[in-house]
Amino acid sequence: MSAIVQINFPYSESQADIEQHSAEAASRFVDVDGLKWKVWLVDEERKPAGGIYLFANRDKAEAYASGDLVNHLKNVRDNVQVSVFDTIDAAGLITNAPV
């Protein structure tokens, strides 16, 4: 069974700045153990940003959620919310989820 990590945080800079920072940070995620993909999130109107991460399993997701990259984010951003979910892969396959 796969697992999802969802991270959200408020931001105050422009969406262009968030997009630039995301592009600069993306290479840090290439070698994250168990990470299959990450989708970067931003909402310019309400000002949350974050990501949805698919991991190979719950153990890898939990390790990431309590690891160095997330701890760094918590040190540079306020109100970082981190959630870990198990996926329901059988149903996801029916709806074309890449699980």
N, C-alpha and C. Protein backbone atom coordinates (compact mmCIF):
# COMPACT_ATOMS: atom_id res chain seq x y z
N MET A 1 0.84 -1.17 0.00
CA MET A 1 0.00 0.00 0.00
C MET A 1 0.89 1.24 0.00
N SER A 2 0.55 2.18 -0.84
CA SER A 2 1.26 3.46 -0.91
C SER A 2 0.81 4.36 0.23
N ALA A 3 1.48 5.49 0.37
CA ALA A 3 1.10 6.49 1.37
C ALA A 3 1.31 7.88 0.80
N ILE A 4 0.48 8.79 1.25
CA ILE A 4 0.54 10.20 0.83
C ILE A 4 0.98 11.05 2.01
N VAL A 5 1.86 12.00 1.75
CA VAL A 5 2.16 13.06 2.70
C VAL A 5 1.60 14.34 2.09
N GLN A 6 0.84 15.07 2.89
CA GLN A 6 0.31 16.36 2.46
C GLN A 6 0.88 17.43 3.37
N ILE A 7 1.48 18.44 2.76
CA ILE A 7 2.08 19.54 3.53
C ILE A 7 1.49 20.84 3.01
N ASN A 8 1.04 21.69 3.93
CA ASN A 8 0.52 23.01 3.59
C ASN A 8 1.10 24.03 4.55
N PHE A 9 1.29 25.24 4.03
CA PHE A 9 1.75 26.35 4.86
C PHE A 9 1.32 27.66 4.22
N PRO A 10 1.08 28.69 5.01
CA PRO A 10 0.77 30.00 4.45
C PRO A 10 2.03 30.69 3.94
N TYR A 11 1.85 31.54 2.94
CA TYR A 11 3.01 32.32 2.45
C TYR A 11 2.58 33.76 2.22
N SER A 12 3.53 34.66 2.18
CA SER A 12 3.22 36.07 1.99
C SER A 12 3.86 36.66 0.73
N GLU A 13 4.84 35.98 0.17
CA GLU A 13 5.48 36.50 -1.03
C GLU A 13 4.60 36.29 -2.26
N SER A 14 5.04 36.73 -3.41
CA SER A 14 4.25 36.58 -4.63
C SER A 14 4.25 35.12 -5.10
N GLN A 15 3.26 34.79 -5.91
CA GLN A 15 3.23 33.44 -6.47
C GLN A 15 4.46 33.19 -7.33
N ALA A 16 4.92 34.19 -8.04
CA ALA A 16 6.13 34.04 -8.85
C ALA A 16 7.33 33.68 -7.98
N ASP A 17 7.43 34.29 -6.81
CA ASP A 17 8.52 33.96 -5.89
C ASP A 17 8.40 32.52 -5.38
N ILE A 18 7.18 32.10 -5.05
CA ILE A 18 6.96 30.72 -4.60
C ILE A 18 7.34 29.75 -5.72
N GLU A 19 6.93 30.05 -6.95
CA GLU A 19 7.25 29.18 -8.08
C GLU A 19 8.76 29.11 -8.31
N GLN A 20 9.45 30.23 -8.20
CA GLN A 20 10.90 30.23 -8.37
C GLN A 20 11.58 29.42 -7.27
N HIS A 21 11.15 29.61 -6.03
CA HIS A 21 11.72 28.85 -4.92
C HIS A 21 11.47 27.35 -5.12
N SER A 22 10.29 27.00 -5.58
CA SER A 22 9.96 25.59 -5.82
C SER A 22 10.87 24.99 -6.88
N ALA A 23 11.09 25.72 -7.96
CA ALA A 23 11.97 25.23 -9.02
C ALA A 23 13.39 25.04 -8.50
N GLU A 24 13.85 25.97 -7.67
CA GLU A 24 15.19 25.85 -7.09
C GLU A 24 15.30 24.68 -6.12
N ALA A 25 14.22 24.38 -5.41
CA ALA A 25 14.24 23.33 -4.39
C ALA A 25 13.97 21.94 -4.96
N ALA A 26 13.42 21.85 -6.16
CA ALA A 26 12.94 20.56 -6.69
C ALA A 26 14.01 19.47 -6.70
N SER A 27 15.24 19.82 -7.00
CA SER A 27 16.29 18.80 -7.09
C SER A 27 16.55 18.11 -5.75
N ARG A 28 16.19 18.75 -4.64
CA ARG A 28 16.39 18.14 -3.32
C ARG A 28 15.52 16.91 -3.11
N PHE A 29 14.48 16.76 -3.92
CA PHE A 29 13.52 15.68 -3.72
C PHE A 29 13.79 14.47 -4.61
N VAL A 30 14.72 14.58 -5.51
CA VAL A 30 14.99 13.50 -6.48
C VAL A 30 15.39 12.21 -5.78
N ASP A 31 16.18 12.30 -4.75
CA ASP A 31 16.71 11.11 -4.09
C ASP A 31 16.05 10.79 -2.74
N VAL A 32 14.88 11.36 -2.47
CA VAL A 32 14.19 11.06 -1.21
C VAL A 32 13.76 9.60 -1.24
N ASP A 33 14.16 8.86 -0.22
CA ASP A 33 13.91 7.43 -0.15
C ASP A 33 12.42 7.12 -0.18
N GLY A 34 12.00 6.34 -1.17
CA GLY A 34 10.61 5.90 -1.27
C GLY A 34 9.67 6.86 -1.96
N LEU A 35 10.13 8.07 -2.29
CA LEU A 35 9.27 9.06 -2.94
C LEU A 35 9.08 8.70 -4.41
N LYS A 36 7.81 8.54 -4.81
CA LYS A 36 7.50 8.25 -6.21
C LYS A 36 7.28 9.53 -7.01
N TRP A 37 6.60 10.50 -6.42
CA TRP A 37 6.40 11.79 -7.07
C TRP A 37 5.95 12.83 -6.05
N LYS A 38 6.07 14.08 -6.47
CA LYS A 38 5.59 15.20 -5.67
C LYS A 38 4.86 16.16 -6.58
N VAL A 39 3.71 16.63 -6.14
CA VAL A 39 2.98 17.70 -6.83
C VAL A 39 3.09 18.94 -5.95
N TRP A 40 3.50 20.04 -6.56
CA TRP A 40 3.69 21.30 -5.84
C TRP A 40 2.38 22.08 -5.91
N LEU A 41 1.97 22.68 -4.78
CA LEU A 41 0.68 23.37 -4.68
C LEU A 41 0.87 24.84 -4.34
N VAL A 42 0.00 25.69 -4.91
CA VAL A 42 -0.01 27.10 -4.58
C VAL A 42 -1.39 27.67 -4.90
N ASP A 43 -1.86 28.58 -4.07
CA ASP A 43 -3.13 29.27 -4.30
C ASP A 43 -2.88 30.75 -4.02
N GLU A 44 -2.73 31.51 -5.09
CA GLU A 44 -2.37 32.92 -4.95
C GLU A 44 -3.44 33.72 -4.23
N GLU A 45 -4.69 33.36 -4.39
CA GLU A 45 -5.77 34.12 -3.78
C GLU A 45 -5.80 33.97 -2.26
N ARG A 46 -5.73 32.72 -1.78
CA ARG A 46 -5.84 32.48 -0.34
C ARG A 46 -4.48 32.35 0.34
N LYS A 47 -3.41 32.20 -0.44
CA LYS A 47 -2.02 32.18 0.02
C LYS A 47 -1.56 30.93 0.78
N PRO A 48 -2.14 29.76 0.53
CA PRO A 48 -1.47 28.55 1.02
C PRO A 48 -0.60 27.98 -0.10
N ALA A 49 0.44 27.30 0.28
CA ALA A 49 1.29 26.56 -0.65
C ALA A 49 1.62 25.24 0.02
N GLY A 50 2.23 24.34 -0.74
CA GLY A 50 2.61 23.07 -0.16
C GLY A 50 2.83 22.00 -1.20
N GLY A 51 2.56 20.77 -0.81
CA GLY A 51 2.78 19.67 -1.73
C GLY A 51 2.02 18.42 -1.34
N ILE A 52 1.84 17.57 -2.34
CA ILE A 52 1.29 16.24 -2.16
C ILE A 52 2.38 15.28 -2.63
N TYR A 53 2.74 14.32 -1.79
CA TYR A 53 3.86 13.42 -2.06
C TYR A 53 3.34 11.98 -2.01
N LEU A 54 3.66 11.19 -3.01
CA LEU A 54 3.31 9.77 -2.98
C LEU A 54 4.56 8.97 -2.63
N PHE A 55 4.44 8.15 -1.58
CA PHE A 55 5.54 7.30 -1.14
C PHE A 55 5.20 5.83 -1.37
N ALA A 56 6.24 5.03 -1.48
CA ALA A 56 6.09 3.60 -1.72
C ALA A 56 5.32 2.91 -0.60
N ASN A 57 5.46 3.41 0.62
CA ASN A 57 4.75 2.80 1.76
C ASN A 57 4.70 3.78 2.92
N ARG A 58 3.95 3.40 3.92
CA ARG A 58 3.73 4.27 5.09
C ARG A 58 5.03 4.55 5.85
N ASP A 59 5.88 3.55 5.99
CA ASP A 59 7.14 3.76 6.72
C ASP A 59 7.99 4.84 6.07
N LYS A 60 8.08 4.81 4.73
CA LYS A 60 8.86 5.84 4.01
C LYS A 60 8.21 7.21 4.18
N ALA A 61 6.88 7.25 4.13
CA ALA A 61 6.17 8.52 4.29
C ALA A 61 6.38 9.11 5.68
N GLU A 62 6.27 8.26 6.69
CA GLU A 62 6.47 8.72 8.07
C GLU A 62 7.91 9.20 8.29
N ALA A 63 8.86 8.49 7.70
CA ALA A 63 10.26 8.89 7.83
C ALA A 63 10.48 10.26 7.19
N TYR A 64 9.88 10.48 6.04
CA TYR A 64 10.01 11.79 5.38
C TYR A 64 9.35 12.88 6.25
N ALA A 65 8.14 12.61 6.73
CA ALA A 65 7.38 13.61 7.48
C ALA A 65 8.10 14.04 8.76
N SER A 66 8.95 13.18 9.29
CA SER A 66 9.70 13.54 10.50
C SER A 66 11.18 13.78 10.21
N GLY A 67 11.53 13.88 8.93
CA GLY A 67 12.93 13.98 8.54
C GLY A 67 13.44 15.39 8.33
N ASP A 68 14.66 15.47 7.81
CA ASP A 68 15.40 16.73 7.69
C ASP A 68 14.72 17.76 6.79
N LEU A 69 14.19 17.35 5.62
CA LEU A 69 13.58 18.33 4.71
C LEU A 69 12.36 18.99 5.33
N VAL A 70 11.52 18.20 5.98
CA VAL A 70 10.32 18.76 6.61
C VAL A 70 10.71 19.60 7.82
N ASN A 71 11.68 19.15 8.59
CA ASN A 71 12.14 19.95 9.73
C ASN A 71 12.72 21.28 9.27
N HIS A 72 13.44 21.28 8.16
CA HIS A 72 13.96 22.54 7.60
C HIS A 72 12.81 23.46 7.23
N LEU A 73 11.79 22.90 6.56
CA LEU A 73 10.63 23.71 6.18
C LEU A 73 9.98 24.33 7.41
N LYS A 74 9.84 23.56 8.46
CA LYS A 74 9.23 24.07 9.69
C LYS A 74 10.08 25.17 10.33
N ASN A 75 11.39 25.15 10.07
CA ASN A 75 12.26 26.20 10.61
C ASN A 75 12.20 27.49 9.80
N VAL A 76 11.82 27.41 8.53
CA VAL A 76 11.81 28.62 7.69
C VAL A 76 10.40 29.13 7.39
N ARG A 77 9.37 28.35 7.74
CA ARG A 77 7.97 28.75 7.51
C ARG A 77 7.19 28.58 8.80
N ASP A 78 6.18 29.43 8.97
CA ASP A 78 5.27 29.31 10.11
C ASP A 78 4.08 28.43 9.74
N ASN A 79 3.50 27.82 10.74
CA ASN A 79 2.24 27.08 10.59
C ASN A 79 2.27 26.00 9.52
N VAL A 80 3.34 25.24 9.49
CA VAL A 80 3.45 24.12 8.56
C VAL A 80 2.58 22.98 9.07
N GLN A 81 1.69 22.51 8.23
CA GLN A 81 0.82 21.38 8.57
C GLN A 81 1.25 20.17 7.76
N VAL A 82 1.49 19.06 8.44
CA VAL A 82 1.95 17.83 7.80
C VAL A 82 0.99 16.71 8.17
N SER A 83 0.47 16.03 7.14
CA SER A 83 -0.43 14.89 7.36
C SER A 83 0.07 13.71 6.55
N VAL A 84 -0.11 12.51 7.10
CA VAL A 84 0.26 11.28 6.40
C VAL A 84 -1.00 10.43 6.28
N PHE A 85 -1.24 9.91 5.07
CA PHE A 85 -2.41 9.10 4.79
C PHE A 85 -1.99 7.81 4.10
N ASP A 86 -2.66 6.71 4.42
CA ASP A 86 -2.55 5.51 3.61
C ASP A 86 -3.42 5.72 2.38
N THR A 87 -3.05 5.09 1.27
CA THR A 87 -3.87 5.18 0.07
C THR A 87 -4.72 3.92 -0.05
N ILE A 88 -5.82 4.05 -0.75
CA ILE A 88 -6.67 2.91 -1.07
C ILE A 88 -6.40 2.59 -2.53
N ASP A 89 -5.35 1.79 -2.74
CA ASP A 89 -4.81 1.58 -4.07
C ASP A 89 -5.80 0.94 -5.04
N ALA A 90 -6.60 -0.02 -4.61
CA ALA A 90 -7.53 -0.69 -5.53
C ALA A 90 -8.52 0.31 -6.13
N ALA A 91 -9.08 1.17 -5.31
CA ALA A 91 -10.01 2.19 -5.81
C ALA A 91 -9.25 3.22 -6.65
N GLY A 92 -8.04 3.57 -6.22
CA GLY A 92 -7.25 4.53 -6.98
C GLY A 92 -6.92 4.05 -8.38
N LEU A 93 -6.65 2.79 -8.53
CA LEU A 93 -6.37 2.24 -9.87
C LEU A 93 -7.59 2.39 -10.79
N ILE A 94 -8.78 2.25 -10.25
CA ILE A 94 -9.99 2.42 -11.05
C ILE A 94 -10.11 3.84 -11.55
N THR A 95 -9.68 4.81 -10.74
CA THR A 95 -9.78 6.22 -11.11
C THR A 95 -8.47 6.77 -11.68
N ASN A 96 -7.60 5.88 -12.14
CA ASN A 96 -6.35 6.24 -12.83
C ASN A 96 -5.32 6.93 -11.94
N ALA A 97 -5.39 6.73 -10.65
CA ALA A 97 -4.37 7.29 -9.76
C ALA A 97 -3.05 6.56 -10.01
N PRO A 98 -1.94 7.28 -10.02
CA PRO A 98 -0.63 6.65 -10.26
C PRO A 98 -0.07 6.03 -8.98
N VAL A 99 -0.78 5.03 -8.44
CA VAL A 99 -0.35 4.39 -7.18
C VAL A 99 0.36 3.08 -7.43
